[in-house]
């Protein structure tokens, strides 16, 4: 569910900032003690495969701390930046991977979804990322789809 703080036009700005930085963004999840765990990912804006609504997506290997955190506490913040411009997207996360099923997404669609996330993050098409399917399967890659509940930024300039 989206609230009054969701300005979806800022997702266009997030997309533009990400494009300037090869899709690099900071992701912050919550550790069990409530402190932030941050890392850099390739992230992009795409349509949710089930609902069609705009989401921020990124893919992570199966054995990373952020995935462990998201399985227990699915709220995440993704920050896109270029120079001094930035956009933060906070939201709840749907996970889609070999160990995280997403209703409405079968295994074949899951493989395509991971490619679509990479394409949204760094450019190209989903077909460009097909060669990574074996690696993504072996490393248990999971797509995170962040449904925005709050989007904010500094003034464009």
C-alpha atoms as a PDB file:
ATOM      1  CA  UNK A   1       0.000   0.000   0.000  1.00  0.00           C
ATOM      2  CA  UNK A   2       1.350   3.432  -0.865  1.00  0.00           C
ATOM      3  CA  UNK A   3       0.961   6.469   1.328  1.00  0.00           C
ATOM      4  CA  UNK A   4       0.880  10.234   0.850  1.00  0.00           C
ATOM      5  CA  UNK A   5       4.683  10.360   0.920  1.00  0.00           C
ATOM      6  CA  UNK A   6       5.067   8.388  -2.322  1.00  0.00           C
ATOM      7  CA  UNK A   7       5.942  10.711  -5.186  1.00  0.00           C
ATOM      8  CA  UNK A   8       6.374   8.281  -8.062  1.00  0.00           C
ATOM      9  CA  UNK A   9       7.876  11.049 -10.226  1.00  0.00           C
ATOM     10  CA  UNK A  10      10.923  10.777  -7.983  1.00  0.00           C
ATOM     11  CA  UNK A  11      11.381   7.226  -9.293  1.00  0.00           C
ATOM     12  CA  UNK A  12      12.169   8.788 -12.688  1.00  0.00           C
ATOM     13  CA  UNK A  13      14.857  10.863 -10.978  1.00  0.00           C
ATOM     14  CA  UNK A  14      16.162   7.736  -9.192  1.00  0.00           C
ATOM     15  CA  UNK A  15      16.332   5.979 -12.572  1.00  0.00           C
ATOM     16  CA  UNK A  16      18.301   8.884 -14.063  1.00  0.00           C
ATOM     17  CA  UNK A  17      20.729   9.046 -11.129  1.00  0.00           C
ATOM     18  CA  UNK A  18      21.256   5.296 -11.295  1.00  0.00           C
ATOM     19  CA  UNK A  19      21.977   5.472 -15.026  1.00  0.00           C
ATOM     20  CA  UNK A  20      24.731   8.019 -14.368  1.00  0.00           C
ATOM     21  CA  UNK A  21      26.384   5.656 -11.875  1.00  0.00           C
ATOM     22  CA  UNK A  22      26.117   2.263 -13.643  1.00  0.00           C
ATOM     23  CA  UNK A  23      23.087   1.409 -11.502  1.00  0.00           C
ATOM     24  CA  UNK A  24      25.049   1.590  -8.251  1.00  0.00           C
ATOM     25  CA  UNK A  25      22.949   2.297  -5.173  1.00  0.00           C
ATOM     26  CA  UNK A  26      23.279   1.914  -1.417  1.00  0.00           C
ATOM     27  CA  UNK A  27      20.940  -0.594   0.238  1.00  0.00           C
ATOM     28  CA  UNK A  28      20.307  -0.442   3.982  1.00  0.00           C
ATOM     29  CA  UNK A  29      18.634  -3.325   5.823  1.00  0.00           C
ATOM     30  CA  UNK A  30      18.109  -3.815   9.556  1.00  0.00           C
ATOM     31  CA  UNK A  31      20.172  -6.193  11.652  1.00  0.00           C
ATOM     32  CA  UNK A  32      18.563  -8.140  14.519  1.00  0.00           C
ATOM     33  CA  UNK A  33      19.738  -5.452  16.983  1.00  0.00           C
ATOM     34  CA  UNK A  34      18.056  -2.708  14.899  1.00  0.00           C
ATOM     35  CA  UNK A  35      21.280  -1.198  13.561  1.00  0.00           C
ATOM     36  CA  UNK A  36      21.683  -0.575   9.839  1.00  0.00           C
ATOM     37  CA  UNK A  37      23.575  -2.917   7.547  1.00  0.00           C
ATOM     38  CA  UNK A  38      24.525  -1.123   4.318  1.00  0.00           C
ATOM     39  CA  UNK A  39      26.033  -2.315   1.065  1.00  0.00           C
ATOM     40  CA  UNK A  40      26.354  -1.323  -2.570  1.00  0.00           C
ATOM     41  CA  UNK A  41      24.235  -3.058  -5.220  1.00  0.00           C
ATOM     42  CA  UNK A  42      23.198  -2.564  -8.820  1.00  0.00           C
ATOM     43  CA  UNK A  43      19.587  -1.397  -8.625  1.00  0.00           C
ATOM     44  CA  UNK A  44      17.007  -0.145 -11.066  1.00  0.00           C
ATOM     45  CA  UNK A  45      13.352   0.789 -11.481  1.00  0.00           C
ATOM     46  CA  UNK A  46      11.062  -1.724 -13.173  1.00  0.00           C
ATOM     47  CA  UNK A  47       7.491  -3.016 -13.039  1.00  0.00           C
ATOM     48  CA  UNK A  48       6.576  -5.624 -10.433  1.00  0.00           C
ATOM     49  CA  UNK A  49       6.056  -8.954 -12.263  1.00  0.00           C
ATOM     50  CA  UNK A  50       2.759  -9.672 -10.478  1.00  0.00           C
ATOM     51  CA  UNK A  51       1.155  -6.297  -9.734  1.00  0.00           C
ATOM     52  CA  UNK A  52       2.642  -4.193 -12.545  1.00  0.00           C
ATOM     53  CA  UNK A  53       3.356  -1.325 -10.125  1.00  0.00           C
ATOM     54  CA  UNK A  54       6.750   0.424 -10.252  1.00  0.00           C
ATOM     55  CA  UNK A  55       9.337  -1.019  -7.867  1.00  0.00           C
ATOM     56  CA  UNK A  56      13.055  -0.753  -7.218  1.00  0.00           C
ATOM     57  CA  UNK A  57      14.805  -4.024  -7.901  1.00  0.00           C
ATOM     58  CA  UNK A  58      18.193  -5.467  -7.110  1.00  0.00           C
ATOM     59  CA  UNK A  59      19.633  -8.978  -7.127  1.00  0.00           C
ATOM     60  CA  UNK A  60      21.796 -10.519  -4.418  1.00  0.00           C
ATOM     61  CA  UNK A  61      23.662 -13.780  -3.947  1.00  0.00           C
ATOM     62  CA  UNK A  62      21.998 -16.323  -1.679  1.00  0.00           C
ATOM     63  CA  UNK A  63      24.626 -16.206   1.065  1.00  0.00           C
ATOM     64  CA  UNK A  64      24.675 -12.479   1.869  1.00  0.00           C
ATOM     65  CA  UNK A  65      23.689 -10.754   5.088  1.00  0.00           C
ATOM     66  CA  UNK A  66      21.189  -8.368   3.460  1.00  0.00           C
ATOM     67  CA  UNK A  67      19.164 -11.330   2.199  1.00  0.00           C
ATOM     68  CA  UNK A  68      19.142 -12.894   5.665  1.00  0.00           C
ATOM     69  CA  UNK A  69      17.996  -9.545   7.079  1.00  0.00           C
ATOM     70  CA  UNK A  70      15.281  -9.073   4.436  1.00  0.00           C
ATOM     71  CA  UNK A  71      13.835 -12.517   5.043  1.00  0.00           C
ATOM     72  CA  UNK A  72      13.161 -11.537   8.665  1.00  0.00           C
ATOM     73  CA  UNK A  73      12.666  -7.757   8.342  1.00  0.00           C
ATOM     74  CA  UNK A  74      11.547  -6.957   4.771  1.00  0.00           C
ATOM     75  CA  UNK A  75      11.740  -3.143   5.090  1.00  0.00           C
ATOM     76  CA  UNK A  76      14.657  -1.643   3.147  1.00  0.00           C
ATOM     77  CA  UNK A  77      15.990   1.733   2.017  1.00  0.00           C
ATOM     78  CA  UNK A  78      17.674   2.108  -1.377  1.00  0.00           C
ATOM     79  CA  UNK A  79      19.592   5.329  -2.087  1.00  0.00           C
ATOM     80  CA  UNK A  80      20.523   6.350  -5.631  1.00  0.00           C
ATOM     81  CA  UNK A  81      23.102   9.130  -5.909  1.00  0.00           C
ATOM     82  CA  UNK A  82      25.220  10.945  -8.431  1.00  0.00           C
ATOM     83  CA  UNK A  83      27.412  13.763  -7.210  1.00  0.00           C
ATOM     84  CA  UNK A  84      25.437  15.582  -4.537  1.00  0.00           C
ATOM     85  CA  UNK A  85      22.030  14.590  -5.940  1.00  0.00           C
ATOM     86  CA  UNK A  86      20.224  11.676  -4.315  1.00  0.00           C
ATOM     87  CA  UNK A  87      16.869   9.922  -4.039  1.00  0.00           C
ATOM     88  CA  UNK A  88      15.974   7.523  -1.215  1.00  0.00           C
ATOM     89  CA  UNK A  89      13.290   4.877  -1.671  1.00  0.00           C
ATOM     90  CA  UNK A  90      11.959   3.156   1.445  1.00  0.00           C
ATOM     91  CA  UNK A  91       9.670   0.204   1.148  1.00  0.00           C
ATOM     92  CA  UNK A  92       8.640  -3.330   1.809  1.00  0.00           C
ATOM     93  CA  UNK A  93      10.398  -6.047  -0.123  1.00  0.00           C
ATOM     94  CA  UNK A  94       9.109  -9.015  -2.077  1.00  0.00           C
ATOM     95  CA  UNK A  95      11.785 -11.665  -2.588  1.00  0.00           C
ATOM     96  CA  UNK A  96      11.909 -13.912  -5.660  1.00  0.00           C
ATOM     97  CA  UNK A  97      14.559 -16.587  -5.936  1.00  0.00           C
ATOM     98  CA  UNK A  98      15.280 -20.295  -5.703  1.00  0.00           C
ATOM     99  CA  UNK A  99      14.827 -20.195  -1.917  1.00  0.00           C
ATOM    100  CA  UNK A 100      12.195 -17.434  -1.852  1.00  0.00           C
ATOM    101  CA  UNK A 101       9.074 -18.123  -3.874  1.00  0.00           C
ATOM    102  CA  UNK A 102       6.855 -15.257  -4.957  1.00  0.00           C
ATOM    103  CA  UNK A 103       3.217 -16.108  -5.653  1.00  0.00           C
ATOM    104  CA  UNK A 104       2.516 -15.715  -9.347  1.00  0.00           C
ATOM    105  CA  UNK A 105       6.153 -16.176 -10.427  1.00  0.00           C
ATOM    106  CA  UNK A 106       7.124 -19.660 -11.659  1.00  0.00           C
ATOM    107  CA  UNK A 107      10.793 -20.814 -11.893  1.00  0.00           C
ATOM    108  CA  UNK A 108      11.131 -19.857 -15.573  1.00  0.00           C
ATOM    109  CA  UNK A 109       9.680 -16.405 -14.898  1.00  0.00           C
ATOM    110  CA  UNK A 110      12.040 -16.108 -11.911  1.00  0.00           C
ATOM    111  CA  UNK A 111      15.085 -16.536 -14.187  1.00  0.00           C
ATOM    112  CA  UNK A 112      13.763 -13.878 -16.554  1.00  0.00           C
ATOM    113  CA  UNK A 113      12.960 -11.584 -13.627  1.00  0.00           C
ATOM    114  CA  UNK A 114      16.544 -11.623 -12.354  1.00  0.00           C
ATOM    115  CA  UNK A 115      17.720 -10.677 -15.850  1.00  0.00           C
ATOM    116  CA  UNK A 116      15.104  -7.900 -16.040  1.00  0.00           C
ATOM    117  CA  UNK A 117      16.364  -6.476 -12.747  1.00  0.00           C
ATOM    118  CA  UNK A 118      19.951  -6.442 -14.035  1.00  0.00           C
ATOM    119  CA  UNK A 119      18.817  -4.796 -17.279  1.00  0.00           C
ATOM    120  CA  UNK A 120      16.900  -2.122 -15.336  1.00  0.00           C
ATOM    121  CA  UNK A 121      19.959  -1.492 -13.183  1.00  0.00           C
ATOM    122  CA  UNK A 122      22.776  -1.375 -15.713  1.00  0.00           C
ATOM    123  CA  UNK A 123      21.060  -1.190 -19.086  1.00  0.00           C
ATOM    124  CA  UNK A 124      20.550  -3.451 -22.026  1.00  0.00           C
ATOM    125  CA  UNK A 125      17.830  -6.053 -22.306  1.00  0.00           C
ATOM    126  CA  UNK A 126      16.976  -9.135 -20.285  1.00  0.00           C
ATOM    127  CA  UNK A 127      18.410 -11.282 -23.107  1.00  0.00           C
ATOM    128  CA  UNK A 128      21.831  -9.651 -22.592  1.00  0.00           C
ATOM    129  CA  UNK A 129      21.987 -11.260 -19.136  1.00  0.00           C
ATOM    130  CA  UNK A 130      21.003 -14.780 -20.196  1.00  0.00           C
ATOM    131  CA  UNK A 131      24.577 -16.037 -19.933  1.00  0.00           C
ATOM    132  CA  UNK A 132      24.455 -15.460 -16.189  1.00  0.00           C
ATOM    133  CA  UNK A 133      21.599 -17.897 -15.538  1.00  0.00           C
ATOM    134  CA  UNK A 134      23.886 -20.766 -14.502  1.00  0.00           C
ATOM    135  CA  UNK A 135      25.892 -18.564 -12.141  1.00  0.00           C
ATOM    136  CA  UNK A 136      22.753 -17.046 -10.634  1.00  0.00           C
ATOM    137  CA  UNK A 137      21.298 -20.534 -10.065  1.00  0.00           C
ATOM    138  CA  UNK A 138      24.525 -21.908  -8.569  1.00  0.00           C
ATOM    139  CA  UNK A 139      24.903 -18.916  -6.229  1.00  0.00           C
ATOM    140  CA  UNK A 140      21.153 -18.951  -5.334  1.00  0.00           C
ATOM    141  CA  UNK A 141      20.624 -15.334  -6.506  1.00  0.00           C
ATOM    142  CA  UNK A 142      17.418 -13.720  -5.310  1.00  0.00           C
ATOM    143  CA  UNK A 143      15.677 -10.634  -6.690  1.00  0.00           C
ATOM    144  CA  UNK A 144      14.453  -8.030  -4.212  1.00  0.00           C
ATOM    145  CA  UNK A 145      11.482  -5.960  -5.372  1.00  0.00           C
ATOM    146  CA  UNK A 146      11.016  -2.887  -3.200  1.00  0.00           C
ATOM    147  CA  UNK A 147       7.448  -1.566  -3.134  1.00  0.00           C
ATOM    148  CA  UNK A 148       7.868   2.145  -2.284  1.00  0.00           C
ATOM    149  CA  UNK A 149       6.068   3.505   0.763  1.00  0.00           C
ATOM    150  CA  UNK A 150       8.205   6.652   1.062  1.00  0.00           C
ATOM    151  CA  UNK A 151      10.383   8.420  -1.526  1.00  0.00           C
ATOM    152  CA  UNK A 152      12.382  11.552  -0.762  1.00  0.00           C
ATOM    153  CA  UNK A 153      15.379  13.469  -2.069  1.00  0.00           C
ATOM    154  CA  UNK A 154      17.372  16.617  -1.910  1.00  0.00           C
ATOM    155  CA  UNK A 155      16.282  19.456  -4.225  1.00  0.00           C
ATOM    156  CA  UNK A 156      17.214  18.863  -7.865  1.00  0.00           C
ATOM    157  CA  UNK A 157      20.058  21.059  -8.837  1.00  0.00           C
END
